[in-house]
């Protein structure tokens, strides 16, 4: 995988996880709405008061109108569900790419890579704060940059 694409996926990792949660909730709500969608059958289909010649070629009874509206809503909900399912699949794919590739790294490499691209810390900050938390010693920005570049090359090969 290309370096730029991989860095972009890392930078969007947090955002993608939140998007996934939101899309899954939307999908759940749409499915619930689809299940609750019912035709109102309490209305009689025959209206004897207005029988006669109809000037328009349209459904004029309440039951027919209700069925037509329900069908339109059902079709729209099914389209929305299909679209949301596709979005969820794409977002999950991006998240899984990042998670799978991070698994091959050592703990140190993973933490430094996450700090740099997901948490968006500077090399100096990583050397002074993150690396110190792990090993109780600091590293220069150049040393941190080399470690991160080696980790990127390592996950690029997969």
Protein backbone atom coordinates (compact mmCIF):
# COMPACT_ATOMS: atom_id res chain seq x y z
CA UNK A 1 0.00 0.00 0.00
CA UNK A 2 1.20 3.47 -0.83
CA UNK A 3 2.67 5.60 1.96
CA UNK A 4 0.35 8.57 1.38
CA UNK A 5 -2.77 6.40 1.41
CA UNK A 6 -1.64 4.68 4.58
CA UNK A 7 -0.93 7.97 6.35
CA UNK A 8 -4.32 9.29 5.25
CA UNK A 9 -6.04 6.18 6.64
CA UNK A 10 -4.17 6.61 9.93
CA UNK A 11 -5.13 10.27 10.16
CA UNK A 12 -8.80 9.47 9.48
CA UNK A 13 -8.92 6.48 11.83
CA UNK A 14 -10.62 8.25 14.76
CA UNK A 15 -13.07 10.03 12.49
CA UNK A 16 -13.92 6.76 10.74
CA UNK A 17 -14.61 5.00 14.04
CA UNK A 18 -17.05 7.75 15.03
CA UNK A 19 -18.65 7.74 11.57
CA UNK A 20 -19.11 3.98 11.85
CA UNK A 21 -20.94 4.32 15.17
CA UNK A 22 -23.21 7.03 13.78
CA UNK A 23 -23.96 5.12 10.55
CA UNK A 24 -24.74 1.94 12.49
CA UNK A 25 -27.22 3.86 14.67
CA UNK A 26 -28.83 5.40 11.58
CA UNK A 27 -29.06 1.97 9.97
CA UNK A 28 -30.68 0.52 13.07
CA UNK A 29 -33.21 3.37 13.19
CA UNK A 30 -34.07 2.99 9.48
CA UNK A 31 -34.62 -0.75 9.92
CA UNK A 32 -36.90 -0.08 12.90
CA UNK A 33 -38.85 2.48 10.85
CA UNK A 34 -39.20 -0.05 8.04
CA UNK A 35 -40.58 -2.67 10.44
CA UNK A 36 -43.06 -0.20 11.93
CA UNK A 37 -44.27 0.86 8.52
CA UNK A 38 -47.75 -0.55 8.10
CA UNK A 39 -50.69 0.14 5.86
CA UNK A 40 -53.65 1.79 7.59
CA UNK A 41 -56.38 -0.75 6.86
CA UNK A 42 -59.00 0.81 9.12
CA UNK A 43 -60.19 3.07 6.32
CA UNK A 44 -62.84 1.67 4.00
CA UNK A 45 -61.85 1.42 0.38
CA UNK A 46 -65.29 2.24 -0.94
CA UNK A 47 -66.67 5.75 -0.78
CA UNK A 48 -70.27 5.76 -1.94
CA UNK A 49 -70.80 9.52 -1.53
CA UNK A 50 -68.43 10.56 -4.30
CA UNK A 51 -69.00 7.74 -6.80
CA UNK A 52 -69.37 8.85 -10.36
CA UNK A 53 -67.21 10.10 -13.16
CA UNK A 54 -63.63 10.91 -12.21
CA UNK A 55 -61.96 13.64 -14.21
CA UNK A 56 -58.41 12.65 -13.20
CA UNK A 57 -56.67 9.38 -13.70
CA UNK A 58 -55.63 9.02 -10.05
CA UNK A 59 -56.46 7.03 -6.95
CA UNK A 60 -59.04 9.00 -4.98
CA UNK A 61 -59.86 6.72 -2.09
CA UNK A 62 -58.18 6.99 1.31
CA UNK A 63 -57.00 3.38 1.42
CA UNK A 64 -55.38 3.62 -2.00
CA UNK A 65 -53.68 6.87 -1.09
CA UNK A 66 -52.46 5.38 2.17
CA UNK A 67 -51.06 2.32 0.39
CA UNK A 68 -49.35 4.48 -2.24
CA UNK A 69 -47.73 6.71 0.43
CA UNK A 70 -46.66 3.68 2.44
CA UNK A 71 -45.12 2.06 -0.63
CA UNK A 72 -43.24 5.26 -1.45
CA UNK A 73 -41.92 5.50 2.12
CA UNK A 74 -40.97 1.80 2.12
CA UNK A 75 -39.05 2.17 -1.15
CA UNK A 76 -37.23 5.26 0.15
CA UNK A 77 -36.35 3.52 3.43
CA UNK A 78 -35.06 0.45 1.57
CA UNK A 79 -32.90 2.68 -0.64
CA UNK A 80 -31.58 4.51 2.43
CA UNK A 81 -30.79 1.21 4.15
CA UNK A 82 -28.93 -0.08 1.09
CA UNK A 83 -26.91 3.14 0.85
CA UNK A 84 -26.09 3.07 4.59
CA UNK A 85 -25.02 -0.58 4.38
CA UNK A 86 -22.59 0.28 1.59
CA UNK A 87 -21.16 3.19 3.59
CA UNK A 88 -20.77 0.99 6.67
CA UNK A 89 -18.91 -1.64 4.63
CA UNK A 90 -16.50 0.99 3.24
CA UNK A 91 -15.84 2.56 6.62
CA UNK A 92 -15.30 -0.83 8.25
CA UNK A 93 -12.85 -1.73 5.49
CA UNK A 94 -10.78 1.41 6.17
CA UNK A 95 -10.79 0.78 9.93
CA UNK A 96 -9.81 -2.86 9.49
CA UNK A 97 -6.93 -1.94 7.16
CA UNK A 98 -5.46 0.28 9.88
CA UNK A 99 -6.08 -2.19 12.72
CA UNK A 100 -4.69 -5.15 10.80
CA UNK A 101 -1.53 -3.31 9.84
CA UNK A 102 -0.95 -2.00 13.35
CA UNK A 103 -0.97 -5.58 14.68
CA UNK A 104 2.38 -6.44 13.09
CA UNK A 105 4.18 -3.58 14.83
CA UNK A 106 5.93 -3.77 18.17
CA UNK A 107 4.34 -1.99 21.10
CA UNK A 108 6.78 0.92 20.81
CA UNK A 109 6.27 1.33 17.07
CA UNK A 110 2.52 1.13 17.40
CA UNK A 111 2.34 3.71 20.20
CA UNK A 112 4.61 6.15 18.37
CA UNK A 113 2.74 5.74 15.08
CA UNK A 114 -0.61 6.25 16.80
CA UNK A 115 0.71 9.32 18.60
CA UNK A 116 2.04 10.82 15.36
CA UNK A 117 -0.78 10.21 12.92
CA UNK A 118 -3.90 9.42 14.93
CA UNK A 119 -3.29 11.77 17.88
CA UNK A 120 -1.38 14.24 15.64
CA UNK A 121 1.47 14.95 18.06
CA UNK A 122 4.73 16.52 16.94
CA UNK A 123 7.96 14.48 16.89
CA UNK A 124 9.36 16.53 19.76
CA UNK A 125 6.23 16.03 21.84
CA UNK A 126 6.32 12.29 21.17
CA UNK A 127 9.99 12.11 22.18
CA UNK A 128 9.48 14.05 25.37
CA UNK A 129 6.08 12.78 26.47
CA UNK A 130 5.03 9.48 24.86
CA UNK A 131 8.45 7.83 24.66
CA UNK A 132 9.17 8.97 28.22
CA UNK A 133 5.94 7.34 29.46
CA UNK A 134 6.95 4.03 27.88
CA UNK A 135 10.68 3.88 28.65
CA UNK A 136 11.27 6.62 31.25
CA UNK A 137 13.75 8.34 28.93
CA UNK A 138 13.42 10.91 26.18
CA UNK A 139 14.43 10.74 22.52
CA UNK A 140 15.20 13.47 20.02
CA UNK A 141 12.72 14.41 17.32
CA UNK A 142 15.03 12.89 14.68
CA UNK A 143 15.19 9.55 16.50
CA UNK A 144 11.41 9.46 16.83
CA UNK A 145 11.04 10.36 13.15
CA UNK A 146 13.35 7.45 12.17
CA UNK A 147 11.39 4.98 14.35
CA UNK A 148 8.09 6.11 12.84
CA UNK A 149 9.43 5.97 9.28
CA UNK A 150 10.71 2.42 9.88
CA UNK A 151 7.29 1.43 11.24
CA UNK A 152 5.58 2.95 8.19
CA UNK A 153 7.87 1.04 5.85
CA UNK A 154 7.15 -2.13 7.80
CA UNK A 155 3.37 -1.83 7.39
CA UNK A 156 3.70 -0.59 3.81
CA UNK A 157 5.11 -3.95 2.74
CA UNK A 158 1.93 -5.82 3.66
